[in-house]
Amino acid sequence: MQLVVARIGRAHGIKGEVTVEVRTDEPELRLGPGAVLFTDPASTGPLTIETGRVHSGRLLLRFEGVRDRNAAEALRNTLLIAEVDPEELPEEEDEYYDHQLMDLDVVTKDGVEVGRIIEISHLPSQDLFIVERSDGSEVMIPFVEKIVTEIDLTEQRAVIDPPPGLIDDRAEIASARDAAADSAGSAGDEA
């Protein structure tokens, strides 16, 4: 099975290094020297990592055969894809590969069916589940512990505790002004 592990960014310097946006929790395993990665677009690869280093908080890679800035810049926005055994699991028990989460049924903690995960969107701040509802509409659910309370791979479901308004249009809107208006209305009724 293939997993996207990084996206190549801009060239760094003049000797063929590139910045990469890491999309794996295991960069030392997937992006180490000697790793051979497939690419999207496929015509760009496969690429073999020659060296890697961290500079100013960013991972820089150099690939075999890429020796100058122009060659490095030509790789910009290429996705790096690792071949992974489908039975392999992440090292941490609360981590998951995208393929494990795809097609899971999403239900609320009360057992209300929300839909099915059709995509996982990896954003800089957090990951999102894109969930298709039975009516064909989609809802985005942040993949954070406070909202996604349980992933049960045996039962093929994700249990969520959504805040008001996340999966429906009935958001609870409360403010001090609304509460004050309600109190004033109640007091006026008594007079």
N, C-alpha and C. Protein backbone atom coordinates (compact mmCIF):
# COMPACT_ATOMS: atom_id res chain seq x y z
N MET A 1 0.83 -1.16 0.00
CA MET A 1 0.00 0.00 0.00
C MET A 1 0.88 1.24 0.00
N GLN A 2 0.39 2.31 -0.61
CA GLN A 2 1.18 3.53 -0.72
C GLN A 2 0.61 4.63 0.18
N LEU A 3 1.51 5.34 0.88
CA LEU A 3 1.14 6.44 1.75
C LEU A 3 1.92 7.69 1.37
N VAL A 4 1.24 8.83 1.30
CA VAL A 4 1.92 10.10 1.07
C VAL A 4 2.64 10.46 2.36
N VAL A 5 3.96 10.67 2.29
CA VAL A 5 4.74 10.97 3.49
C VAL A 5 5.29 12.39 3.51
N ALA A 6 5.27 13.07 2.35
CA ALA A 6 5.76 14.45 2.32
C ALA A 6 5.39 15.11 0.99
N ARG A 7 5.49 16.44 0.99
CA ARG A 7 5.35 17.22 -0.24
C ARG A 7 6.59 18.08 -0.36
N ILE A 8 7.19 18.09 -1.54
CA ILE A 8 8.40 18.88 -1.76
C ILE A 8 8.02 20.35 -1.90
N GLY A 9 8.76 21.18 -1.17
CA GLY A 9 8.56 22.63 -1.23
C GLY A 9 9.60 23.27 -2.14
N ARG A 10 10.04 24.43 -1.76
CA ARG A 10 10.97 25.20 -2.62
C ARG A 10 12.40 24.68 -2.50
N ALA A 11 13.21 25.05 -3.46
CA ALA A 11 14.63 24.72 -3.43
C ALA A 11 15.29 25.49 -2.30
N HIS A 12 16.34 24.91 -1.73
CA HIS A 12 17.09 25.57 -0.65
C HIS A 12 18.56 25.59 -1.07
N GLY A 13 19.09 26.76 -1.26
CA GLY A 13 20.49 26.88 -1.65
C GLY A 13 20.70 26.53 -3.12
N ILE A 14 21.95 26.25 -3.48
CA ILE A 14 22.28 26.02 -4.90
C ILE A 14 22.77 24.60 -5.18
N LYS A 15 22.76 23.73 -4.17
CA LYS A 15 23.33 22.40 -4.35
C LYS A 15 22.28 21.28 -4.45
N GLY A 16 21.01 21.64 -4.72
CA GLY A 16 20.00 20.62 -4.96
C GLY A 16 19.13 20.23 -3.78
N GLU A 17 19.27 20.90 -2.65
CA GLU A 17 18.41 20.58 -1.51
C GLU A 17 17.02 21.19 -1.70
N VAL A 18 16.02 20.54 -1.10
CA VAL A 18 14.65 21.05 -1.12
C VAL A 18 14.08 21.02 0.29
N THR A 19 13.15 21.93 0.56
CA THR A 19 12.40 21.86 1.80
C THR A 19 11.28 20.85 1.57
N VAL A 20 10.83 20.21 2.65
CA VAL A 20 9.70 19.30 2.53
C VAL A 20 8.69 19.56 3.63
N GLU A 21 7.43 19.42 3.27
CA GLU A 21 6.33 19.48 4.22
C GLU A 21 6.06 18.03 4.62
N VAL A 22 6.43 17.68 5.83
CA VAL A 22 6.32 16.30 6.30
C VAL A 22 4.86 15.95 6.55
N ARG A 23 4.44 14.80 6.06
CA ARG A 23 3.06 14.33 6.26
C ARG A 23 3.04 12.94 6.88
N THR A 24 4.02 12.67 7.71
CA THR A 24 4.07 11.39 8.42
C THR A 24 4.53 11.66 9.84
N ASP A 25 4.06 10.82 10.76
CA ASP A 25 4.51 10.92 12.15
C ASP A 25 5.81 10.17 12.35
N GLU A 26 6.32 9.53 11.28
CA GLU A 26 7.53 8.73 11.36
C GLU A 26 8.55 9.17 10.31
N PRO A 27 8.95 10.46 10.33
CA PRO A 27 9.87 10.93 9.29
C PRO A 27 11.22 10.22 9.30
N GLU A 28 11.70 9.86 10.51
CA GLU A 28 13.00 9.19 10.57
C GLU A 28 12.95 7.82 9.91
N LEU A 29 11.79 7.19 9.87
CA LEU A 29 11.62 5.89 9.24
C LEU A 29 11.37 6.03 7.74
N ARG A 30 10.56 6.98 7.34
CA ARG A 30 10.13 7.11 5.94
C ARG A 30 11.02 8.01 5.09
N LEU A 31 11.71 8.96 5.74
CA LEU A 31 12.45 9.97 4.97
C LEU A 31 13.95 9.97 5.27
N GLY A 32 14.48 8.82 5.61
CA GLY A 32 15.90 8.71 5.91
C GLY A 32 16.73 8.46 4.66
N PRO A 33 18.06 8.71 4.74
CA PRO A 33 18.95 8.44 3.60
C PRO A 33 18.80 7.00 3.10
N GLY A 34 18.73 6.87 1.79
CA GLY A 34 18.57 5.56 1.17
C GLY A 34 17.14 5.18 0.86
N ALA A 35 16.18 5.89 1.46
CA ALA A 35 14.77 5.59 1.20
C ALA A 35 14.44 5.89 -0.26
N VAL A 36 13.74 4.97 -0.90
CA VAL A 36 13.30 5.15 -2.28
C VAL A 36 11.80 5.43 -2.23
N LEU A 37 11.41 6.56 -2.80
CA LEU A 37 10.03 7.02 -2.73
C LEU A 37 9.43 7.17 -4.13
N PHE A 38 8.18 6.76 -4.25
CA PHE A 38 7.43 7.01 -5.47
C PHE A 38 6.98 8.45 -5.44
N THR A 39 6.51 8.96 -6.56
CA THR A 39 6.13 10.35 -6.63
C THR A 39 4.79 10.53 -7.33
N ASP A 40 4.18 11.66 -7.06
CA ASP A 40 2.99 12.11 -7.79
C ASP A 40 3.28 13.56 -8.15
N PRO A 41 3.54 13.83 -9.42
CA PRO A 41 3.35 12.99 -10.60
C PRO A 41 4.43 11.90 -10.70
N ALA A 42 4.00 10.76 -11.22
CA ALA A 42 4.88 9.59 -11.31
C ALA A 42 6.09 9.84 -12.19
N SER A 43 5.98 10.71 -13.16
CA SER A 43 7.08 10.98 -14.09
C SER A 43 8.28 11.61 -13.39
N THR A 44 8.10 12.17 -12.20
CA THR A 44 9.18 12.81 -11.45
C THR A 44 10.07 11.79 -10.75
N GLY A 45 9.57 10.60 -10.50
CA GLY A 45 10.32 9.64 -9.68
C GLY A 45 10.51 8.32 -10.36
N PRO A 46 10.90 7.35 -9.56
CA PRO A 46 11.10 7.38 -8.11
C PRO A 46 12.34 8.19 -7.72
N LEU A 47 12.33 8.66 -6.49
CA LEU A 47 13.45 9.45 -5.97
C LEU A 47 14.08 8.72 -4.79
N THR A 48 15.40 8.73 -4.74
CA THR A 48 16.14 8.12 -3.63
C THR A 48 16.75 9.25 -2.80
N ILE A 49 16.48 9.23 -1.50
CA ILE A 49 17.01 10.26 -0.60
C ILE A 49 18.50 10.01 -0.39
N GLU A 50 19.29 11.05 -0.68
CA GLU A 50 20.73 10.97 -0.48
C GLU A 50 21.12 11.49 0.90
N THR A 51 20.57 12.66 1.26
CA THR A 51 20.86 13.24 2.58
C THR A 51 19.62 13.95 3.11
N GLY A 52 19.60 14.13 4.41
CA GLY A 52 18.54 14.88 5.05
C GLY A 52 19.09 15.58 6.27
N ARG A 53 18.55 16.77 6.53
CA ARG A 53 18.96 17.51 7.72
C ARG A 53 17.88 18.51 8.07
N VAL A 54 17.89 18.95 9.32
CA VAL A 54 16.95 19.96 9.77
C VAL A 54 17.67 21.30 9.80
N HIS A 55 17.04 22.32 9.21
CA HIS A 55 17.60 23.67 9.18
C HIS A 55 16.48 24.65 9.51
N SER A 56 16.65 25.41 10.59
CA SER A 56 15.64 26.39 11.03
C SER A 56 14.27 25.76 11.19
N GLY A 57 14.23 24.54 11.73
CA GLY A 57 12.96 23.88 11.99
C GLY A 57 12.32 23.20 10.78
N ARG A 58 12.98 23.25 9.63
CA ARG A 58 12.43 22.62 8.41
C ARG A 58 13.33 21.47 7.99
N LEU A 59 12.72 20.40 7.50
CA LEU A 59 13.48 19.27 6.99
C LEU A 59 13.92 19.59 5.56
N LEU A 60 15.22 19.41 5.32
CA LEU A 60 15.78 19.59 3.98
C LEU A 60 16.26 18.23 3.49
N LEU A 61 15.92 17.90 2.25
CA LEU A 61 16.36 16.65 1.64
C LEU A 61 17.12 16.93 0.36
N ARG A 62 18.04 16.04 0.04
CA ARG A 62 18.71 16.05 -1.26
C ARG A 62 18.52 14.65 -1.84
N PHE A 63 18.15 14.61 -3.11
CA PHE A 63 17.91 13.34 -3.78
C PHE A 63 19.05 13.01 -4.71
N GLU A 64 19.30 11.71 -4.90
CA GLU A 64 20.33 11.28 -5.83
C GLU A 64 20.03 11.85 -7.22
N GLY A 65 21.06 12.39 -7.87
CA GLY A 65 20.91 12.93 -9.21
C GLY A 65 20.42 14.36 -9.28
N VAL A 66 20.05 14.96 -8.15
CA VAL A 66 19.59 16.35 -8.12
C VAL A 66 20.73 17.17 -7.54
N ARG A 67 21.44 17.91 -8.40
CA ARG A 67 22.68 18.56 -7.99
C ARG A 67 22.66 20.08 -8.00
N ASP A 68 21.58 20.69 -8.52
CA ASP A 68 21.57 22.15 -8.56
C ASP A 68 20.17 22.69 -8.24
N ARG A 69 20.12 24.00 -8.09
CA ARG A 69 18.88 24.67 -7.71
C ARG A 69 17.78 24.46 -8.74
N ASN A 70 18.12 24.50 -10.02
CA ASN A 70 17.10 24.33 -11.07
C ASN A 70 16.46 22.95 -11.01
N ALA A 71 17.27 21.91 -10.82
CA ALA A 71 16.74 20.55 -10.72
C ALA A 71 15.88 20.41 -9.46
N ALA A 72 16.31 21.04 -8.37
CA ALA A 72 15.55 20.99 -7.13
C ALA A 72 14.22 21.72 -7.28
N GLU A 73 14.25 22.89 -7.91
CA GLU A 73 13.02 23.67 -8.10
C GLU A 73 12.03 22.94 -9.00
N ALA A 74 12.51 22.13 -9.92
CA ALA A 74 11.63 21.36 -10.82
C ALA A 74 10.82 20.30 -10.05
N LEU A 75 11.25 19.96 -8.84
CA LEU A 75 10.55 18.97 -8.02
C LEU A 75 9.45 19.59 -7.16
N ARG A 76 9.36 20.91 -7.13
CA ARG A 76 8.43 21.62 -6.26
C ARG A 76 7.00 21.08 -6.40
N ASN A 77 6.32 20.90 -5.28
CA ASN A 77 4.93 20.41 -5.16
C ASN A 77 4.76 18.93 -5.49
N THR A 78 5.85 18.21 -5.67
CA THR A 78 5.77 16.77 -5.90
C THR A 78 5.45 16.08 -4.57
N LEU A 79 4.52 15.15 -4.61
CA LEU A 79 4.21 14.35 -3.42
C LEU A 79 5.17 13.17 -3.35
N LEU A 80 5.67 12.87 -2.17
CA LEU A 80 6.55 11.72 -1.94
C LEU A 80 5.73 10.61 -1.31
N ILE A 81 5.81 9.42 -1.89
CA ILE A 81 4.95 8.31 -1.51
C ILE A 81 5.79 7.10 -1.12
N ALA A 82 5.53 6.57 0.06
CA ALA A 82 6.25 5.38 0.54
C ALA A 82 5.38 4.15 0.37
N GLU A 83 6.02 3.05 0.06
CA GLU A 83 5.33 1.75 -0.01
C GLU A 83 5.34 1.17 1.40
N VAL A 84 4.16 0.85 1.92
CA VAL A 84 4.03 0.36 3.30
C VAL A 84 3.22 -0.93 3.31
N ASP A 85 3.65 -1.87 4.11
CA ASP A 85 2.91 -3.12 4.28
C ASP A 85 1.55 -2.78 4.91
N PRO A 86 0.43 -3.22 4.30
CA PRO A 86 -0.90 -2.88 4.83
C PRO A 86 -1.13 -3.37 6.26
N GLU A 87 -0.40 -4.37 6.69
CA GLU A 87 -0.57 -4.90 8.05
C GLU A 87 0.24 -4.10 9.08
N GLU A 88 1.14 -3.24 8.60
CA GLU A 88 1.98 -2.45 9.50
C GLU A 88 1.14 -1.41 10.23
N LEU A 89 1.40 -1.24 11.51
CA LEU A 89 0.68 -0.26 12.31
C LEU A 89 1.66 0.79 12.83
N PRO A 90 1.17 2.02 13.07
CA PRO A 90 2.06 3.04 13.65
C PRO A 90 2.57 2.59 15.01
N GLU A 91 3.69 3.19 15.43
CA GLU A 91 4.32 2.82 16.70
C GLU A 91 3.45 3.17 17.90
N GLU A 92 2.80 4.32 17.88
CA GLU A 92 1.96 4.75 19.00
C GLU A 92 0.57 4.16 18.86
N GLU A 93 -0.04 3.76 19.98
CA GLU A 93 -1.35 3.10 19.91
C GLU A 93 -2.47 4.05 19.51
N ASP A 94 -2.32 5.36 19.73
CA ASP A 94 -3.39 6.29 19.35
C ASP A 94 -3.10 7.01 18.03
N GLU A 95 -2.24 6.44 17.21
CA GLU A 95 -1.95 6.97 15.87
C GLU A 95 -2.51 6.01 14.84
N TYR A 96 -2.89 6.56 13.69
CA TYR A 96 -3.50 5.76 12.64
C TYR A 96 -2.98 6.21 11.28
N TYR A 97 -2.90 5.26 10.37
CA TYR A 97 -2.63 5.59 8.97
C TYR A 97 -3.96 5.93 8.32
N ASP A 98 -3.90 6.77 7.30
CA ASP A 98 -5.12 7.19 6.61
C ASP A 98 -5.95 5.99 6.15
N HIS A 99 -5.29 4.97 5.61
CA HIS A 99 -6.05 3.83 5.09
C HIS A 99 -6.84 3.11 6.17
N GLN A 100 -6.42 3.21 7.43
CA GLN A 100 -7.16 2.59 8.52
C GLN A 100 -8.44 3.36 8.84
N LEU A 101 -8.43 4.66 8.57
CA LEU A 101 -9.56 5.52 8.92
C LEU A 101 -10.58 5.66 7.79
N MET A 102 -10.13 5.44 6.57
CA MET A 102 -11.04 5.58 5.43
C MET A 102 -12.20 4.60 5.55
N ASP A 103 -13.38 5.06 5.23
CA ASP A 103 -14.62 4.26 5.23
C ASP A 103 -15.13 3.88 6.61
N LEU A 104 -14.52 4.42 7.67
CA LEU A 104 -15.09 4.16 9.00
C LEU A 104 -16.44 4.86 9.11
N ASP A 105 -17.38 4.20 9.79
CA ASP A 105 -18.67 4.83 10.10
C ASP A 105 -18.43 5.83 11.22
N VAL A 106 -19.06 6.99 11.12
CA VAL A 106 -18.93 8.01 12.16
C VAL A 106 -20.26 8.09 12.88
N VAL A 107 -20.22 7.93 14.22
CA VAL A 107 -21.42 8.01 15.05
C VAL A 107 -21.14 8.91 16.24
N THR A 108 -22.20 9.53 16.76
CA THR A 108 -22.03 10.34 17.96
C THR A 108 -21.94 9.41 19.16
N LYS A 109 -21.54 9.95 20.30
CA LYS A 109 -21.43 9.14 21.52
C LYS A 109 -22.79 8.59 21.94
N ASP A 110 -23.87 9.21 21.45
CA ASP A 110 -25.22 8.74 21.74
C ASP A 110 -25.70 7.69 20.73
N GLY A 111 -24.83 7.35 19.76
CA GLY A 111 -25.17 6.32 18.79
C GLY A 111 -25.86 6.82 17.53
N VAL A 112 -25.98 8.14 17.36
CA VAL A 112 -26.60 8.69 16.16
C VAL A 112 -25.61 8.61 15.00
N GLU A 113 -26.05 8.01 13.90
CA GLU A 113 -25.18 7.86 12.73
C GLU A 113 -24.98 9.20 12.04
N VAL A 114 -23.73 9.56 11.78
CA VAL A 114 -23.41 10.81 11.10
C VAL A 114 -23.10 10.56 9.63
N GLY A 115 -22.31 9.54 9.34
CA GLY A 115 -21.93 9.24 7.97
C GLY A 115 -20.70 8.35 7.92
N ARG A 116 -19.93 8.51 6.83
CA ARG A 116 -18.77 7.65 6.57
C ARG A 116 -17.60 8.52 6.15
N ILE A 117 -16.40 8.22 6.67
CA ILE A 117 -15.21 9.00 6.31
C ILE A 117 -14.83 8.68 4.87
N ILE A 118 -14.77 9.73 4.03
CA ILE A 118 -14.40 9.54 2.63
C ILE A 118 -13.05 10.16 2.30
N GLU A 119 -12.55 11.00 3.20
CA GLU A 119 -11.26 11.66 2.95
C GLU A 119 -10.70 12.16 4.27
N ILE A 120 -9.38 12.20 4.34
CA ILE A 120 -8.71 12.83 5.48
C ILE A 120 -7.89 13.97 4.93
N SER A 121 -8.17 15.17 5.40
CA SER A 121 -7.48 16.36 4.92
C SER A 121 -6.43 16.75 5.96
N HIS A 122 -5.17 16.83 5.53
CA HIS A 122 -4.07 17.17 6.43
C HIS A 122 -3.77 18.66 6.30
N LEU A 123 -4.20 19.42 7.28
CA LEU A 123 -3.96 20.86 7.30
C LEU A 123 -2.79 21.15 8.24
N PRO A 124 -2.19 22.33 8.12
CA PRO A 124 -1.06 22.63 9.01
C PRO A 124 -1.41 22.59 10.49
N SER A 125 -2.62 23.01 10.86
CA SER A 125 -2.97 23.08 12.28
C SER A 125 -3.57 21.78 12.82
N GLN A 126 -4.26 21.02 11.98
CA GLN A 126 -4.90 19.78 12.42
C GLN A 126 -5.36 18.99 11.21
N ASP A 127 -5.74 17.75 11.45
CA ASP A 127 -6.31 16.92 10.39
C ASP A 127 -7.83 17.01 10.48
N LEU A 128 -8.48 16.84 9.34
CA LEU A 128 -9.94 16.85 9.28
C LEU A 128 -10.44 15.57 8.65
N PHE A 129 -11.51 15.03 9.21
CA PHE A 129 -12.24 13.96 8.53
C PHE A 129 -13.27 14.62 7.63
N ILE A 130 -13.31 14.22 6.37
CA ILE A 130 -14.39 14.64 5.48
C ILE A 130 -15.37 13.47 5.51
N VAL A 131 -16.57 13.74 6.02
CA VAL A 131 -17.57 12.69 6.24
C VAL A 131 -18.74 12.90 5.30
N GLU A 132 -19.08 11.84 4.56
CA GLU A 132 -20.24 11.90 3.67
C GLU A 132 -21.45 11.40 4.44
N ARG A 133 -22.50 12.23 4.45
CA ARG A 133 -23.74 11.88 5.14
C ARG A 133 -24.63 11.06 4.21
N SER A 134 -25.66 10.47 4.75
CA SER A 134 -26.55 9.61 3.96
C SER A 134 -27.26 10.39 2.86
N ASP A 135 -27.45 11.70 3.03
CA ASP A 135 -28.11 12.51 1.99
C ASP A 135 -27.13 13.01 0.93
N GLY A 136 -25.86 12.58 1.02
CA GLY A 136 -24.85 12.98 0.04
C GLY A 136 -24.08 14.24 0.41
N SER A 137 -24.54 14.97 1.43
CA SER A 137 -23.81 16.16 1.85
C SER A 137 -22.56 15.74 2.62
N GLU A 138 -21.66 16.69 2.81
CA GLU A 138 -20.42 16.41 3.52
C GLU A 138 -20.29 17.31 4.73
N VAL A 139 -19.65 16.79 5.75
CA VAL A 139 -19.36 17.57 6.95
C VAL A 139 -17.90 17.35 7.30
N MET A 140 -17.24 18.39 7.78
CA MET A 140 -15.83 18.30 8.18
C MET A 140 -15.75 18.21 9.70
N ILE A 141 -15.01 17.20 10.17
CA ILE A 141 -14.88 16.98 11.61
C ILE A 141 -13.40 17.03 11.97
N PRO A 142 -13.01 17.97 12.82
CA PRO A 142 -11.60 18.04 13.24
C PRO A 142 -11.20 16.75 13.96
N PHE A 143 -10.06 16.19 13.56
CA PHE A 143 -9.56 14.96 14.18
C PHE A 143 -8.73 15.35 15.39
N VAL A 144 -9.44 15.76 16.45
CA VAL A 144 -8.82 16.14 17.72
C VAL A 144 -9.47 15.31 18.82
N GLU A 145 -8.72 15.03 19.86
CA GLU A 145 -9.17 14.14 20.93
C GLU A 145 -10.46 14.61 21.59
N LYS A 146 -10.65 15.92 21.70
CA LYS A 146 -11.84 16.45 22.37
C LYS A 146 -13.12 16.13 21.58
N ILE A 147 -13.00 16.01 20.24
CA ILE A 147 -14.18 15.74 19.41
C ILE A 147 -14.25 14.26 19.01
N VAL A 148 -13.15 13.70 18.52
CA VAL A 148 -13.12 12.28 18.15
C VAL A 148 -12.67 11.52 19.39
N THR A 149 -13.64 10.95 20.09
CA THR A 149 -13.36 10.36 21.39
C THR A 149 -12.89 8.91 21.31
N GLU A 150 -13.19 8.24 20.19
CA GLU A 150 -12.81 6.82 20.08
C GLU A 150 -12.69 6.42 18.62
N ILE A 151 -11.65 5.66 18.32
CA ILE A 151 -11.51 5.00 17.02
C ILE A 151 -11.53 3.51 17.32
N ASP A 152 -12.52 2.81 16.77
CA ASP A 152 -12.66 1.37 16.99
C ASP A 152 -12.50 0.68 15.64
N LEU A 153 -11.26 0.20 15.37
CA LEU A 153 -10.99 -0.43 14.09
C LEU A 153 -11.69 -1.79 13.97
N THR A 154 -11.93 -2.46 15.08
CA THR A 154 -12.62 -3.75 15.04
C THR A 154 -14.07 -3.56 14.59
N GLU A 155 -14.72 -2.56 15.14
CA GLU A 155 -16.12 -2.26 14.79
C GLU A 155 -16.23 -1.34 13.57
N GLN A 156 -15.07 -0.87 13.07
CA GLN A 156 -15.02 0.02 11.91
C GLN A 156 -15.85 1.29 12.13
N ARG A 157 -15.58 1.99 13.25
CA ARG A 157 -16.31 3.22 13.52
C ARG A 157 -15.46 4.21 14.29
N ALA A 158 -15.83 5.47 14.11
CA ALA A 158 -15.24 6.57 14.86
C ALA A 158 -16.37 7.19 15.67
N VAL A 159 -16.15 7.34 16.97
CA VAL A 159 -17.16 7.92 17.84
C VAL A 159 -16.77 9.37 18.09
N ILE A 160 -17.76 10.27 17.93
CA ILE A 160 -17.48 11.69 18.11
C ILE A 160 -18.41 12.29 19.17
N ASP A 161 -17.94 13.36 19.77
CA ASP A 161 -18.72 14.17 20.71
C ASP A 161 -18.66 15.60 20.16
N PRO A 162 -19.50 15.89 19.16
CA PRO A 162 -19.38 17.18 18.48
C PRO A 162 -19.95 18.34 19.29
N PRO A 163 -19.30 19.49 19.21
CA PRO A 163 -19.88 20.67 19.83
C PRO A 163 -21.12 21.10 19.04
N PRO A 164 -22.03 21.85 19.67
CA PRO A 164 -23.24 22.29 18.96
C PRO A 164 -22.87 23.03 17.66
N GLY A 165 -23.58 22.67 16.59
CA GLY A 165 -23.38 23.33 15.31
C GLY A 165 -22.38 22.67 14.39
N LEU A 166 -21.59 21.70 14.90
CA LEU A 166 -20.58 21.08 14.04
C LEU A 166 -21.21 20.19 12.98
N ILE A 167 -22.20 19.39 13.37
CA ILE A 167 -22.79 18.47 12.39
C ILE A 167 -24.23 18.81 12.06
N ASP A 168 -24.76 19.85 12.69
CA ASP A 168 -26.12 20.28 12.36
C ASP A 168 -26.19 21.80 12.39
N ASP A 169 -27.33 22.33 12.01
CA ASP A 169 -27.50 23.78 11.96
C ASP A 169 -28.09 24.36 13.24
N ARG A 170 -28.23 23.54 14.26
CA ARG A 170 -28.85 23.99 15.50
C ARG A 170 -27.80 24.39 16.53
N ALA A 171 -26.98 25.35 16.19
CA ALA A 171 -25.93 25.80 17.11
C ALA A 171 -26.55 26.54 18.28
N GLU A 172 -26.04 26.29 19.46
CA GLU A 172 -26.49 27.02 20.63
C GLU A 172 -25.72 28.33 20.69
N ILE A 173 -26.43 29.43 20.66
CA ILE A 173 -25.78 30.74 20.72
C ILE A 173 -26.15 31.37 22.06
N ALA A 174 -25.14 31.59 22.85
CA ALA A 174 -25.38 32.17 24.17
C ALA A 174 -24.37 33.26 24.40
N SER A 175 -24.83 34.34 24.93
CA SER A 175 -23.92 35.42 25.29
C SER A 175 -24.44 36.08 26.55
N ALA A 176 -23.60 36.85 27.17
CA ALA A 176 -24.01 37.54 28.39
C ALA A 176 -25.16 38.49 28.10
N ARG A 177 -25.15 39.12 26.93
CA ARG A 177 -26.20 40.07 26.56
C ARG A 177 -27.54 39.34 26.43
N ASP A 178 -27.54 38.14 25.80
CA ASP A 178 -28.77 37.37 25.66
C ASP A 178 -29.31 36.96 27.03
N ALA A 179 -28.41 36.53 27.91
CA ALA A 179 -28.82 36.12 29.25
C ALA A 179 -29.39 37.32 30.01
N ALA A 180 -28.76 38.49 29.86
CA ALA A 180 -29.23 39.70 30.54
C ALA A 180 -30.61 40.09 30.01
N ALA A 181 -30.81 39.96 28.69
CA ALA A 181 -32.10 40.31 28.09
C ALA A 181 -33.19 39.36 28.60
N ASP A 182 -32.84 38.08 28.72
CA ASP A 182 -33.81 37.11 29.23
C ASP A 182 -34.18 37.43 30.68
N SER A 183 -33.18 37.81 31.50
CA SER A 183 -33.43 38.14 32.91
C SER A 183 -34.29 39.40 33.01
N ALA A 184 -33.99 40.41 32.20
CA ALA A 184 -34.74 41.65 32.23
C ALA A 184 -36.17 41.40 31.80
N GLY A 185 -36.37 40.54 30.79
CA GLY A 185 -37.72 40.22 30.33
C GLY A 185 -38.49 39.51 31.41
N SER A 186 -37.84 38.61 32.14
CA SER A 186 -38.51 37.87 33.20
C SER A 186 -38.90 38.81 34.34
N ALA A 187 -37.99 39.74 34.69
CA ALA A 187 -38.27 40.68 35.78
C ALA A 187 -39.40 41.61 35.40
N GLY A 188 -39.45 42.03 34.13
CA GLY A 188 -40.51 42.93 33.67
C GLY A 188 -41.85 42.25 33.68
N ASP A 189 -41.88 40.94 33.49
CA ASP A 189 -43.13 40.20 33.48
C ASP A 189 -43.77 40.15 34.88
N GLU A 190 -42.91 40.20 35.92
CA GLU A 190 -43.40 40.10 37.27
C GLU A 190 -44.07 41.40 37.72
N ALA A 191 -43.70 42.53 37.16
CA ALA A 191 -44.22 43.82 37.62
C ALA A 191 -45.58 44.07 37.16
